[in-house]
Amino acid sequence: MSEEIQFLHDELDGITKELEKSIKEIEKKKMKPDAKADKIAAVQDRIQRAKDIYSNFRVELRDVLKEKGRIAYTEWEEKGHAHHKNINKFTKEIETLQHKMEDEEAKALAGGGPKDKKDINTWGGNEIIAEAKKVQDQSGASLARTQKIVESCETIGQETNLALKSQTEQMKNTNADIVGVDMRLNRADKVIKQIARRLATDKMIMCLILILILGIIGVIVANSTNLLG
Protein backbone atom coordinates (compact mmCIF):
# COMPACT_ATOMS: atom_id res chain seq x y z
CA MET A 1 0.00 0.00 0.00
CA SER A 2 2.88 2.39 0.79
CA GLU A 3 4.24 1.76 -2.73
CA GLU A 4 0.99 2.91 -4.31
CA ILE A 5 0.77 6.12 -2.29
CA GLN A 6 4.46 6.76 -2.98
CA PHE A 7 3.78 6.46 -6.72
CA LEU A 8 0.92 8.99 -6.47
CA HIS A 9 3.10 11.33 -4.42
CA ASP A 10 5.89 11.21 -7.02
CA GLU A 11 3.45 11.85 -9.85
CA LEU A 12 2.04 14.89 -8.03
CA ASP A 13 5.57 16.20 -7.49
CA GLY A 14 6.24 15.91 -11.23
CA ILE A 15 3.04 17.74 -12.15
CA THR A 16 3.82 20.45 -9.58
CA LYS A 17 7.18 21.20 -11.21
CA GLU A 18 5.60 21.16 -14.66
CA LEU A 19 2.83 23.58 -13.62
CA GLU A 20 5.25 25.98 -11.97
CA LYS A 21 7.28 26.18 -15.18
CA SER A 22 4.23 26.57 -17.44
CA ILE A 23 2.65 29.34 -15.35
CA LYS A 24 5.93 31.28 -15.27
CA GLU A 25 6.12 31.05 -19.07
CA ILE A 26 2.60 32.43 -19.41
CA GLU A 27 3.38 35.29 -17.03
CA LYS A 28 6.73 36.31 -18.53
CA LYS A 29 6.71 35.37 -22.22
CA LYS A 30 4.98 37.51 -24.81
CA MET A 31 2.46 35.32 -26.56
CA LYS A 32 -0.21 35.82 -29.17
CA PRO A 33 -3.75 35.60 -27.77
CA ASP A 34 -4.40 32.23 -29.41
CA ALA A 35 -1.12 30.74 -28.16
CA LYS A 36 -1.74 32.05 -24.64
CA ALA A 37 -5.27 30.62 -24.62
CA ASP A 38 -3.94 27.21 -25.69
CA LYS A 39 -1.25 27.32 -23.00
CA ILE A 40 -3.79 28.23 -20.29
CA ALA A 41 -6.08 25.41 -21.42
CA ALA A 42 -3.17 22.94 -21.24
CA VAL A 43 -2.34 24.10 -17.69
CA GLN A 44 -5.97 23.71 -16.65
CA ASP A 45 -5.95 20.15 -17.95
CA ARG A 46 -2.84 19.34 -15.91
CA ILE A 47 -4.40 20.91 -12.79
CA GLN A 48 -7.45 18.69 -13.26
CA ARG A 49 -5.13 15.71 -13.59
CA ALA A 50 -3.46 16.71 -10.30
CA LYS A 51 -6.86 16.93 -8.61
CA ASP A 52 -7.76 13.43 -9.80
CA ILE A 53 -4.46 12.03 -8.53
CA TYR A 54 -4.95 13.82 -5.20
CA SER A 55 -8.37 12.17 -4.83
CA ASN A 56 -6.72 8.77 -5.27
CA PHE A 57 -4.05 9.87 -2.81
CA ARG A 58 -6.75 10.52 -0.15
CA VAL A 59 -8.21 7.06 -0.73
CA GLU A 60 -4.81 5.42 -0.32
CA LEU A 61 -4.20 7.54 2.79
CA ARG A 62 -7.10 5.85 4.59
CA ASP A 63 -5.61 2.47 3.81
CA VAL A 64 -2.25 3.63 5.18
CA LEU A 65 -3.95 4.46 8.49
CA LYS A 66 -5.42 0.97 8.66
CA GLU A 67 -2.28 -0.90 7.64
CA LYS A 68 0.67 1.28 8.76
CA GLY A 69 -0.70 3.13 11.76
CA ARG A 70 -1.06 6.72 12.89
CA ILE A 71 2.60 7.79 12.49
CA ALA A 72 2.83 6.77 8.82
CA TYR A 73 -0.62 8.24 8.24
CA THR A 74 0.45 11.61 9.71
CA GLU A 75 3.55 11.77 7.51
CA TRP A 76 1.61 11.07 4.34
CA GLU A 77 -1.21 13.38 5.41
CA GLU A 78 1.24 16.30 5.67
CA LYS A 79 2.51 15.54 2.17
CA GLY A 80 -1.08 15.40 0.98
CA HIS A 81 -1.82 18.83 2.51
CA ALA A 82 1.20 20.26 0.65
CA HIS A 83 -0.09 18.84 -2.64
CA HIS A 84 -3.57 20.19 -1.98
CA LYS A 85 -2.14 23.62 -1.18
CA ASN A 86 -0.15 23.65 -4.43
CA ILE A 87 -3.17 22.60 -6.45
CA ASN A 88 -5.26 25.43 -4.98
CA LYS A 89 -2.44 27.92 -5.64
CA PHE A 90 -2.09 26.84 -9.28
CA THR A 91 -5.86 27.01 -9.73
CA LYS A 92 -6.00 30.62 -8.50
CA GLU A 93 -2.96 31.67 -10.55
CA ILE A 94 -4.31 30.26 -13.79
CA GLU A 95 -7.74 31.78 -13.13
CA THR A 96 -6.07 35.16 -12.64
CA LEU A 97 -4.13 34.78 -15.89
CA GLN A 98 -7.26 33.75 -17.75
CA HIS A 99 -9.23 36.76 -16.45
CA LYS A 100 -6.35 39.04 -17.41
CA MET A 101 -6.28 37.60 -20.92
CA GLU A 102 -10.05 38.01 -21.28
CA ASP A 103 -9.81 41.64 -20.12
CA GLU A 104 -7.07 42.33 -22.68
CA GLU A 105 -9.18 40.82 -25.44
CA ALA A 106 -12.19 42.89 -24.39
CA LYS A 107 -10.11 46.09 -24.36
CA ALA A 108 -8.66 45.26 -27.76
CA LEU A 109 -12.13 44.77 -29.23
CA ALA A 110 -13.28 48.03 -27.63
CA GLY A 111 -10.37 49.96 -29.20
CA GLY A 112 -8.06 50.16 -26.20
CA GLY A 113 -5.33 48.09 -24.65
CA PRO A 114 -2.91 45.85 -26.51
CA LYS A 115 -3.89 44.92 -30.06
CA ASP A 116 -3.02 42.16 -32.40
CA LYS A 117 -1.44 44.06 -35.29
CA LYS A 118 -2.32 41.27 -37.70
CA ASP A 119 -6.02 41.40 -36.81
CA ILE A 120 -7.60 44.06 -39.04
CA ASN A 121 -10.68 44.12 -36.82
CA THR A 122 -8.61 45.84 -34.09
CA TRP A 123 -7.18 48.55 -36.37
CA GLY A 124 -8.03 52.23 -36.13
CA GLY A 125 -8.67 54.59 -39.02
CA ASN A 126 -5.06 55.75 -39.28
CA GLU A 127 -3.80 52.18 -39.30
CA ILE A 128 -6.22 51.22 -42.07
CA ILE A 129 -5.21 54.27 -44.15
CA ALA A 130 -1.51 53.54 -43.59
CA GLU A 131 -1.96 49.91 -44.62
CA ALA A 132 -3.95 50.97 -47.70
CA LYS A 133 -1.17 53.40 -48.67
CA LYS A 134 1.41 50.66 -48.13
CA VAL A 135 -0.54 48.29 -50.38
CA GLN A 136 -0.95 51.07 -52.95
CA ASP A 137 2.79 51.77 -52.94
CA GLN A 138 3.55 48.07 -53.29
CA SER A 139 1.05 47.81 -56.15
CA GLY A 140 2.61 50.87 -57.83
CA ALA A 141 6.09 49.38 -57.53
CA SER A 142 4.83 46.07 -58.88
CA LEU A 143 3.12 47.86 -61.79
CA ALA A 144 6.34 49.75 -62.57
CA ARG A 145 8.30 46.50 -62.63
CA THR A 146 5.67 44.94 -64.87
CA GLN A 147 5.81 47.94 -67.22
CA LYS A 148 9.60 47.64 -67.46
CA ILE A 149 9.26 43.97 -68.31
CA VAL A 150 6.68 44.79 -71.01
CA GLU A 151 8.92 47.51 -72.47
CA SER A 152 11.86 45.11 -72.47
CA CYS A 153 9.73 42.51 -74.26
CA GLU A 154 8.65 45.12 -76.83
CA THR A 155 12.28 46.08 -77.48
CA ILE A 156 13.26 42.44 -77.90
CA GLY A 157 10.28 41.94 -80.22
CA GLN A 158 11.27 44.92 -82.38
CA GLU A 159 14.87 43.74 -82.61
CA THR A 160 13.71 40.26 -83.51
CA ASN A 161 11.36 41.70 -86.16
CA LEU A 162 14.20 43.71 -87.72
CA ALA A 163 16.43 40.65 -87.75
CA LEU A 164 13.70 38.61 -89.43
CA LYS A 165 13.15 41.33 -92.03
CA SER A 166 16.88 41.42 -92.77
CA GLN A 167 16.98 37.65 -93.13
CA THR A 168 13.90 37.78 -95.36
CA GLU A 169 15.55 40.37 -97.63
CA GLN A 170 18.69 38.26 -97.80
CA MET A 171 16.61 35.23 -98.75
CA LYS A 172 14.81 37.26 -101.42
CA ASN A 173 18.13 38.46 -102.85
CA THR A 174 19.49 34.93 -102.80
CA ASN A 175 16.37 33.69 -104.57
CA ALA A 176 16.71 36.45 -107.19
CA ASP A 177 20.33 35.46 -107.75
CA ILE A 178 19.31 31.84 -108.17
CA VAL A 179 16.62 32.84 -110.69
CA GLY A 180 19.15 34.97 -112.60
CA VAL A 181 21.65 32.11 -112.75
CA ASP A 182 18.92 29.77 -113.91
CA MET A 183 17.92 32.18 -116.69
CA ARG A 184 21.53 32.53 -117.81
CA LEU A 185 21.90 28.75 -117.84
CA ASN A 186 18.79 28.48 -120.00
CA ARG A 187 20.14 31.05 -122.45
CA ALA A 188 23.50 29.29 -122.58
CA ASP A 189 21.72 26.02 -123.28
CA LYS A 190 19.82 27.60 -126.17
CA VAL A 191 23.03 29.06 -127.65
CA ILE A 192 24.73 25.67 -127.42
CA LYS A 193 21.81 24.05 -129.21
CA GLN A 194 21.91 26.71 -131.94
CA ILE A 195 25.65 26.20 -132.40
CA ALA A 196 25.12 22.45 -132.63
CA ARG A 197 22.45 22.91 -135.28
CA ARG A 198 24.74 25.23 -137.25
CA LEU A 199 27.60 22.75 -137.04
CA ALA A 200 25.32 19.99 -138.29
CA THR A 201 24.22 22.19 -141.22
CA ASP A 202 27.83 23.06 -142.09
CA LYS A 203 28.78 19.38 -142.11
CA MET A 204 25.97 18.58 -144.55
CA ILE A 205 27.08 21.38 -146.86
CA MET A 206 30.69 20.15 -146.77
CA CYS A 207 29.53 16.63 -147.57
CA LEU A 208 27.52 17.87 -150.55
CA ILE A 209 30.48 19.90 -151.82
CA LEU A 210 32.75 16.86 -151.42
CA ILE A 211 30.29 14.69 -153.32
CA LEU A 212 30.05 17.32 -156.05
CA ILE A 213 33.84 17.52 -156.35
CA LEU A 214 34.12 13.75 -156.49
CA GLY A 215 31.44 13.68 -159.18
CA ILE A 216 33.28 16.24 -161.29
CA ILE A 217 36.51 14.32 -160.88
CA GLY A 218 34.72 11.14 -161.92
CA VAL A 219 33.35 12.78 -165.08
CA ILE A 220 36.77 14.14 -166.00
CA VAL A 221 38.38 10.75 -165.47
CA ALA A 222 35.71 9.05 -167.57
CA ASN A 223 36.10 11.49 -170.43
CA SER A 224 39.86 11.12 -170.35
CA THR A 225 39.55 7.35 -170.56
CA ASN A 226 37.27 7.57 -173.59
CA LEU A 227 39.65 9.88 -175.42
CA LEU A 228 42.58 7.59 -174.82
CA GLY A 229 40.62 4.64 -176.03
C-alpha atoms as a PDB file:
ATOM      1  CA  MET A   1       0.000   0.000   0.000  1.00  0.00           C
ATOM      2  CA  SER A   2       2.884   2.392   0.786  1.00  0.00           C
ATOM      3  CA  GLU A   3       4.244   1.759  -2.734  1.00  0.00           C
ATOM      4  CA  GLU A   4       0.985   2.907  -4.312  1.00  0.00           C
ATOM      5  CA  ILE A   5       0.769   6.123  -2.293  1.00  0.00           C
ATOM      6  CA  GLN A   6       4.465   6.763  -2.980  1.00  0.00           C
ATOM      7  CA  PHE A   7       3.782   6.460  -6.716  1.00  0.00           C
ATOM      8  CA  LEU A   8       0.918   8.986  -6.467  1.00  0.00           C
ATOM      9  CA  HIS A   9       3.101  11.330  -4.420  1.00  0.00           C
ATOM     10  CA  ASP A  10       5.894  11.205  -7.022  1.00  0.00           C
ATOM     11  CA  GLU A  11       3.447  11.850  -9.848  1.00  0.00           C
ATOM     12  CA  LEU A  12       2.041  14.895  -8.028  1.00  0.00           C
ATOM     13  CA  ASP A  13       5.575  16.197  -7.495  1.00  0.00           C
ATOM     14  CA  GLY A  14       6.244  15.910 -11.231  1.00  0.00           C
ATOM     15  CA  ILE A  15       3.042  17.735 -12.152  1.00  0.00           C
ATOM     16  CA  THR A  16       3.820  20.451  -9.578  1.00  0.00           C
ATOM     17  CA  LYS A  17       7.182  21.203 -11.212  1.00  0.00           C
ATOM     18  CA  GLU A  18       5.599  21.158 -14.660  1.00  0.00           C
ATOM     19  CA  LEU A  19       2.829  23.580 -13.625  1.00  0.00           C
ATOM     20  CA  GLU A  20       5.253  25.984 -11.970  1.00  0.00           C
ATOM     21  CA  LYS A  21       7.279  26.177 -15.183  1.00  0.00           C
ATOM     22  CA  SER A  22       4.232  26.568 -17.442  1.00  0.00           C
ATOM     23  CA  ILE A  23       2.653  29.336 -15.346  1.00  0.00           C
ATOM     24  CA  LYS A  24       5.928  31.281 -15.272  1.00  0.00           C
ATOM     25  CA  GLU A  25       6.120  31.048 -19.071  1.00  0.00           C
ATOM     26  CA  ILE A  26       2.598  32.431 -19.415  1.00  0.00           C
ATOM     27  CA  GLU A  27       3.381  35.291 -17.027  1.00  0.00           C
ATOM     28  CA  LYS A  28       6.728  36.307 -18.532  1.00  0.00           C
ATOM     29  CA  LYS A  29       6.710  35.368 -22.219  1.00  0.00           C
ATOM     30  CA  LYS A  30       4.981  37.507 -24.807  1.00  0.00           C
ATOM     31  CA  MET A  31       2.460  35.323 -26.561  1.00  0.00           C
ATOM     32  CA  LYS A  32      -0.206  35.820 -29.174  1.00  0.00           C
ATOM     33  CA  PRO A  33      -3.747  35.602 -27.765  1.00  0.00           C
ATOM     34  CA  ASP A  34      -4.399  32.227 -29.411  1.00  0.00           C
ATOM     35  CA  ALA A  35      -1.122  30.741 -28.157  1.00  0.00           C
ATOM     36  CA  LYS A  36      -1.740  32.051 -24.640  1.00  0.00           C
ATOM     37  CA  ALA A  37      -5.270  30.623 -24.615  1.00  0.00           C
ATOM     38  CA  ASP A  38      -3.938  27.213 -25.689  1.00  0.00           C
ATOM     39  CA  LYS A  39      -1.246  27.321 -22.996  1.00  0.00           C
ATOM     40  CA  ILE A  40      -3.790  28.230 -20.294  1.00  0.00           C
ATOM     41  CA  ALA A  41      -6.082  25.405 -21.422  1.00  0.00           C
ATOM     42  CA  ALA A  42      -3.174  22.943 -21.236  1.00  0.00           C
ATOM     43  CA  VAL A  43      -2.338  24.095 -17.688  1.00  0.00           C
ATOM     44  CA  GLN A  44      -5.970  23.714 -16.645  1.00  0.00           C
ATOM     45  CA  ASP A  45      -5.953  20.147 -17.949  1.00  0.00           C
ATOM     46  CA  ARG A  46      -2.841  19.337 -15.908  1.00  0.00           C
ATOM     47  CA  ILE A  47      -4.404  20.908 -12.788  1.00  0.00           C
ATOM     48  CA  GLN A  48      -7.450  18.694 -13.259  1.00  0.00           C
ATOM     49  CA  ARG A  49      -5.131  15.713 -13.595  1.00  0.00           C
ATOM     50  CA  ALA A  50      -3.456  16.712 -10.304  1.00  0.00           C
ATOM     51  CA  LYS A  51      -6.861  16.929  -8.610  1.00  0.00           C
ATOM     52  CA  ASP A  52      -7.761  13.428  -9.802  1.00  0.00           C
ATOM     53  CA  ILE A  53      -4.463  12.034  -8.529  1.00  0.00           C
ATOM     54  CA  TYR A  54      -4.954  13.821  -5.202  1.00  0.00           C
ATOM     55  CA  SER A  55      -8.372  12.169  -4.832  1.00  0.00           C
ATOM     56  CA  ASN A  56      -6.722   8.768  -5.267  1.00  0.00           C
ATOM     57  CA  PHE A  57      -4.053   9.868  -2.806  1.00  0.00           C
ATOM     58  CA  ARG A  58      -6.747  10.523  -0.148  1.00  0.00           C
ATOM     59  CA  VAL A  59      -8.208   7.063  -0.731  1.00  0.00           C
ATOM     60  CA  GLU A  60      -4.808   5.425  -0.322  1.00  0.00           C
ATOM     61  CA  LEU A  61      -4.201   7.540   2.791  1.00  0.00           C
ATOM     62  CA  ARG A  62      -7.104   5.847   4.592  1.00  0.00           C
ATOM     63  CA  ASP A  63      -5.610   2.467   3.809  1.00  0.00           C
ATOM     64  CA  VAL A  64      -2.253   3.632   5.180  1.00  0.00           C
ATOM     65  CA  LEU A  65      -3.947   4.459   8.487  1.00  0.00           C
ATOM     66  CA  LYS A  66      -5.418   0.975   8.662  1.00  0.00           C
ATOM     67  CA  GLU A  67      -2.281  -0.896   7.636  1.00  0.00           C
ATOM     68  CA  LYS A  68       0.668   1.283   8.760  1.00  0.00           C
ATOM     69  CA  GLY A  69      -0.700   3.131  11.765  1.00  0.00           C
ATOM     70  CA  ARG A  70      -1.056   6.721  12.891  1.00  0.00           C
ATOM     71  CA  ILE A  71       2.601   7.791  12.486  1.00  0.00           C
ATOM     72  CA  ALA A  72       2.827   6.771   8.820  1.00  0.00           C
ATOM     73  CA  TYR A  73      -0.619   8.240   8.242  1.00  0.00           C
ATOM     74  CA  THR A  74       0.448  11.608   9.706  1.00  0.00           C
ATOM     75  CA  GLU A  75       3.553  11.766   7.513  1.00  0.00           C
ATOM     76  CA  TRP A  76       1.611  11.068   4.340  1.00  0.00           C
ATOM     77  CA  GLU A  77      -1.206  13.381   5.408  1.00  0.00           C
ATOM     78  CA  GLU A  78       1.236  16.303   5.668  1.00  0.00           C
ATOM     79  CA  LYS A  79       2.508  15.543   2.168  1.00  0.00           C
ATOM     80  CA  GLY A  80      -1.083  15.403   0.977  1.00  0.00           C
ATOM     81  CA  HIS A  81      -1.816  18.827   2.509  1.00  0.00           C
ATOM     82  CA  ALA A  82       1.197  20.255   0.653  1.00  0.00           C
ATOM     83  CA  HIS A  83      -0.086  18.840  -2.639  1.00  0.00           C
ATOM     84  CA  HIS A  84      -3.569  20.193  -1.976  1.00  0.00           C
ATOM     85  CA  LYS A  85      -2.142  23.619  -1.185  1.00  0.00           C
ATOM     86  CA  ASN A  86      -0.150  23.651  -4.426  1.00  0.00           C
ATOM     87  CA  ILE A  87      -3.172  22.596  -6.450  1.00  0.00           C
ATOM     88  CA  ASN A  88      -5.262  25.434  -4.983  1.00  0.00           C
ATOM     89  CA  LYS A  89      -2.441  27.917  -5.642  1.00  0.00           C
ATOM     90  CA  PHE A  90      -2.091  26.839  -9.276  1.00  0.00           C
ATOM     91  CA  THR A  91      -5.860  27.012  -9.731  1.00  0.00           C
ATOM     92  CA  LYS A  92      -5.999  30.621  -8.497  1.00  0.00           C
ATOM     93  CA  GLU A  93      -2.964  31.673 -10.547  1.00  0.00           C
ATOM     94  CA  ILE A  94      -4.313  30.257 -13.786  1.00  0.00           C
ATOM     95  CA  GLU A  95      -7.736  31.779 -13.131  1.00  0.00           C
ATOM     96  CA  THR A  96      -6.072  35.162 -12.636  1.00  0.00           C
ATOM     97  CA  LEU A  97      -4.127  34.779 -15.893  1.00  0.00           C
ATOM     98  CA  GLN A  98      -7.260  33.747 -17.750  1.00  0.00           C
ATOM     99  CA  HIS A  99      -9.234  36.757 -16.451  1.00  0.00           C
ATOM    100  CA  LYS A 100      -6.351  39.037 -17.411  1.00  0.00           C
ATOM    101  CA  MET A 101      -6.280  37.598 -20.922  1.00  0.00           C
ATOM    102  CA  GLU A 102     -10.053  38.006 -21.282  1.00  0.00           C
ATOM    103  CA  ASP A 103      -9.809  41.637 -20.123  1.00  0.00           C
ATOM    104  CA  GLU A 104      -7.069  42.326 -22.680  1.00  0.00           C
ATOM    105  CA  GLU A 105      -9.175  40.816 -25.444  1.00  0.00           C
ATOM    106  CA  ALA A 106     -12.191  42.887 -24.391  1.00  0.00           C
ATOM    107  CA  LYS A 107     -10.110  46.087 -24.362  1.00  0.00           C
ATOM    108  CA  ALA A 108      -8.660  45.261 -27.759  1.00  0.00           C
ATOM    109  CA  LEU A 109     -12.129  44.767 -29.229  1.00  0.00           C
ATOM    110  CA  ALA A 110     -13.278  48.035 -27.630  1.00  0.00           C
ATOM    111  CA  GLY A 111     -10.374  49.959 -29.198  1.00  0.00           C
ATOM    112  CA  GLY A 112      -8.062  50.155 -26.196  1.00  0.00           C
ATOM    113  CA  GLY A 113      -5.326  48.090 -24.647  1.00  0.00           C
ATOM    114  CA  PRO A 114      -2.912  45.846 -26.509  1.00  0.00           C
ATOM    115  CA  LYS A 115      -3.888  44.921 -30.059  1.00  0.00           C
ATOM    116  CA  ASP A 116      -3.017  42.164 -32.403  1.00  0.00           C
ATOM    117  CA  LYS A 117      -1.441  44.058 -35.287  1.00  0.00           C
ATOM    118  CA  LYS A 118      -2.318  41.269 -37.703  1.00  0.00           C
ATOM    119  CA  ASP A 119      -6.022  41.404 -36.808  1.00  0.00           C
ATOM    120  CA  ILE A 120      -7.604  44.064 -39.038  1.00  0.00           C
ATOM    121  CA  ASN A 121     -10.680  44.119 -36.820  1.00  0.00           C
ATOM    122  CA  THR A 122      -8.612  45.841 -34.095  1.00  0.00           C
ATOM    123  CA  TRP A 123      -7.185  48.551 -36.369  1.00  0.00           C
ATOM    124  CA  GLY A 124      -8.026  52.230 -36.130  1.00  0.00           C
ATOM    125  CA  GLY A 125      -8.669  54.594 -39.022  1.00  0.00           C
ATOM    126  CA  ASN A 126      -5.063  55.755 -39.283  1.00  0.00           C
ATOM    127  CA  GLU A 127      -3.798  52.179 -39.304  1.00  0.00           C
ATOM    128  CA  ILE A 128      -6.217  51.217 -42.072  1.00  0.00           C
ATOM    129  CA  ILE A 129      -5.206  54.267 -44.149  1.00  0.00           C
ATOM    130  CA  ALA A 130      -1.507  53.539 -43.592  1.00  0.00           C
ATOM    131  CA  GLU A 131      -1.961  49.914 -44.619  1.00  0.00           C
ATOM    132  CA  ALA A 132      -3.949  50.968 -47.702  1.00  0.00           C
ATOM    133  CA  LYS A 133      -1.172  53.399 -48.671  1.00  0.00           C
ATOM    134  CA  LYS A 134       1.406  50.660 -48.134  1.00  0.00           C
ATOM    135  CA  VAL A 135      -0.541  48.292 -50.378  1.00  0.00           C
ATOM    136  CA  GLN A 136      -0.949  51.069 -52.949  1.00  0.00           C
ATOM    137  CA  ASP A 137       2.791  51.773 -52.940  1.00  0.00           C
ATOM    138  CA  GLN A 138       3.552  48.072 -53.294  1.00  0.00           C
ATOM    139  CA  SER A 139       1.053  47.810 -56.149  1.00  0.00           C
ATOM    140  CA  GLY A 140       2.615  50.870 -57.831  1.00  0.00           C
ATOM    141  CA  ALA A 141       6.086  49.384 -57.533  1.00  0.00           C
ATOM    142  CA  SER A 142       4.833  46.069 -58.877  1.00  0.00           C
ATOM    143  CA  LEU A 143       3.120  47.859 -61.785  1.00  0.00           C
ATOM    144  CA  ALA A 144       6.335  49.754 -62.573  1.00  0.00           C
ATOM    145  CA  ARG A 145       8.304  46.501 -62.632  1.00  0.00           C
ATOM    146  CA  THR A 146       5.672  44.942 -64.874  1.00  0.00           C
ATOM    147  CA  GLN A 147       5.811  47.938 -67.220  1.00  0.00           C
ATOM    148  CA  LYS A 148       9.603  47.644 -67.465  1.00  0.00           C
ATOM    149  CA  ILE A 149       9.262  43.973 -68.310  1.00  0.00           C
ATOM    150  CA  VAL A 150       6.676  44.794 -71.008  1.00  0.00           C
ATOM    151  CA  GLU A 151       8.919  47.512 -72.474  1.00  0.00           C
ATOM    152  CA  SER A 152      11.856  45.109 -72.475  1.00  0.00           C
ATOM    153  CA  CYS A 153       9.732  42.508 -74.259  1.00  0.00           C
ATOM    154  CA  GLU A 154       8.649  45.123 -76.830  1.00  0.00           C
ATOM    155  CA  THR A 155      12.282  46.079 -77.477  1.00  0.00           C
ATOM    156  CA  ILE A 156      13.261  42.438 -77.900  1.00  0.00           C
ATOM    157  CA  GLY A 157      10.285  41.936 -80.219  1.00  0.00           C
ATOM    158  CA  GLN A 158      11.268  44.920 -82.379  1.00  0.00           C
ATOM    159  CA  GLU A 159      14.872  43.744 -82.605  1.00  0.00           C
ATOM    160  CA  THR A 160      13.708  40.257 -83.507  1.00  0.00           C
ATOM    161  CA  ASN A 161      11.364  41.696 -86.157  1.00  0.00           C
ATOM    162  CA  LEU A 162      14.197  43.713 -87.723  1.00  0.00           C
ATOM    163  CA  ALA A 163      16.431  40.651 -87.746  1.00  0.00           C
ATOM    164  CA  LEU A 164      13.700  38.606 -89.426  1.00  0.00           C
ATOM    165  CA  LYS A 165      13.147  41.333 -92.031  1.00  0.00           C
ATOM    166  CA  SER A 166      16.877  41.422 -92.767  1.00  0.00           C
ATOM    167  CA  GLN A 167      16.983  37.649 -93.130  1.00  0.00           C
ATOM    168  CA  THR A 168      13.898  37.775 -95.362  1.00  0.00           C
ATOM    169  CA  GLU A 169      15.550  40.372 -97.632  1.00  0.00           C
ATOM    170  CA  GLN A 170      18.685  38.260 -97.798  1.00  0.00           C
ATOM    171  CA  MET A 171      16.614  35.229 -98.747  1.00  0.00           C
ATOM    172  CA  LYS A 172      14.809  37.264-101.421  1.00  0.00           C
ATOM    173  CA  ASN A 173      18.126  38.463-102.853  1.00  0.00           C
ATOM    174  CA  THR A 174      19.492  34.934-102.800  1.00  0.00           C
ATOM    175  CA  ASN A 175      16.371  33.693-104.570  1.00  0.00           C
ATOM    176  CA  ALA A 176      16.711  36.452-107.188  1.00  0.00           C
ATOM    177  CA  ASP A 177      20.327  35.462-107.755  1.00  0.00           C
ATOM    178  CA  ILE A 178      19.309  31.838-108.173  1.00  0.00           C
ATOM    179  CA  VAL A 179      16.616  32.836-110.687  1.00  0.00           C
ATOM    180  CA  GLY A 180      19.152  34.967-112.599  1.00  0.00           C
ATOM    181  CA  VAL A 181      21.650  32.112-112.751  1.00  0.00           C
ATOM    182  CA  ASP A 182      18.920  29.770-113.911  1.00  0.00           C
ATOM    183  CA  MET A 183      17.921  32.179-116.690  1.00  0.00           C
ATOM    184  CA  ARG A 184      21.533  32.530-117.814  1.00  0.00           C
ATOM    185  CA  LEU A 185      21.897  28.753-117.838  1.00  0.00           C
ATOM    186  CA  ASN A 186      18.791  28.480-120.004  1.00  0.00           C
ATOM    187  CA  ARG A 187      20.143  31.053-122.450  1.00  0.00           C
ATOM    188  CA  ALA A 188      23.497  29.286-122.580  1.00  0.00           C
ATOM    189  CA  ASP A 189      21.719  26.016-123.281  1.00  0.00           C
ATOM    190  CA  LYS A 190      19.818  27.600-126.167  1.00  0.00           C
ATOM    191  CA  VAL A 191      23.029  29.058-127.649  1.00  0.00           C
ATOM    192  CA  ILE A 192      24.733  25.670-127.419  1.00  0.00           C
ATOM    193  CA  LYS A 193      21.814  24.050-129.210  1.00  0.00           C
ATOM    194  CA  GLN A 194      21.911  26.707-131.939  1.00  0.00           C
ATOM    195  CA  ILE A 195      25.648  26.196-132.404  1.00  0.00           C
ATOM    196  CA  ALA A 196      25.124  22.448-132.629  1.00  0.00           C
ATOM    197  CA  ARG A 197      22.452  22.908-135.285  1.00  0.00           C
ATOM    198  CA  ARG A 198      24.736  25.231-137.252  1.00  0.00           C
ATOM    199  CA  LEU A 199      27.597  22.749-137.045  1.00  0.00           C
ATOM    200  CA  ALA A 200      25.318  19.988-138.292  1.00  0.00           C
ATOM    201  CA  THR A 201      24.221  22.186-141.218  1.00  0.00           C
ATOM    202  CA  ASP A 202      27.827  23.063-142.086  1.00  0.00           C
ATOM    203  CA  LYS A 203      28.779  19.376-142.113  1.00  0.00           C
ATOM    204  CA  MET A 204      25.973  18.578-144.545  1.00  0.00           C
ATOM    205  CA  ILE A 205      27.083  21.380-146.863  1.00  0.00           C
ATOM    206  CA  MET A 206      30.687  20.149-146.770  1.00  0.00           C
ATOM    207  CA  CYS A 207      29.529  16.632-147.573  1.00  0.00           C
ATOM    208  CA  LEU A 208      27.525  17.867-150.550  1.00  0.00           C
ATOM    209  CA  ILE A 209      30.485  19.898-151.820  1.00  0.00           C
ATOM    210  CA  LEU A 210      32.753  16.860-151.419  1.00  0.00           C
ATOM    211  CA  ILE A 211      30.286  14.687-153.319  1.00  0.00           C
ATOM    212  CA  LEU A 212      30.049  17.316-156.048  1.00  0.00           C
ATOM    213  CA  ILE A 213      33.838  17.518-156.353  1.00  0.00           C
ATOM    214  CA  LEU A 214      34.119  13.751-156.492  1.00  0.00           C
ATOM    215  CA  GLY A 215      31.443  13.683-159.181  1.00  0.00           C
ATOM    216  CA  ILE A 216      33.283  16.243-161.294  1.00  0.00           C
ATOM    217  CA  ILE A 217      36.512  14.317-160.880  1.00  0.00           C
ATOM    218  CA  GLY A 218      34.724  11.143-161.919  1.00  0.00           C
ATOM    219  CA  VAL A 219      33.351  12.779-165.077  1.00  0.00           C
ATOM    220  CA  ILE A 220      36.765  14.143-165.999  1.00  0.00           C
ATOM    221  CA  VAL A 221      38.381  10.748-165.475  1.00  0.00           C
ATOM    222  CA  ALA A 222      35.707   9.051-167.572  1.00  0.00           C
ATOM    223  CA  ASN A 223      36.103  11.492-170.426  1.00  0.00           C
ATOM    224  CA  SER A 224      39.856  11.120-170.353  1.00  0.00           C
ATOM    225  CA  THR A 225      39.548   7.350-170.557  1.00  0.00           C
ATOM    226  CA  ASN A 226      37.265   7.570-173.588  1.00  0.00           C
ATOM    227  CA  LEU A 227      39.650   9.883-175.419  1.00  0.00           C
ATOM    228  CA  LEU A 228      42.578   7.589-174.821  1.00  0.00           C
ATOM    229  CA  GLY A 229      40.623   4.640-176.029  1.00  0.00           C
END
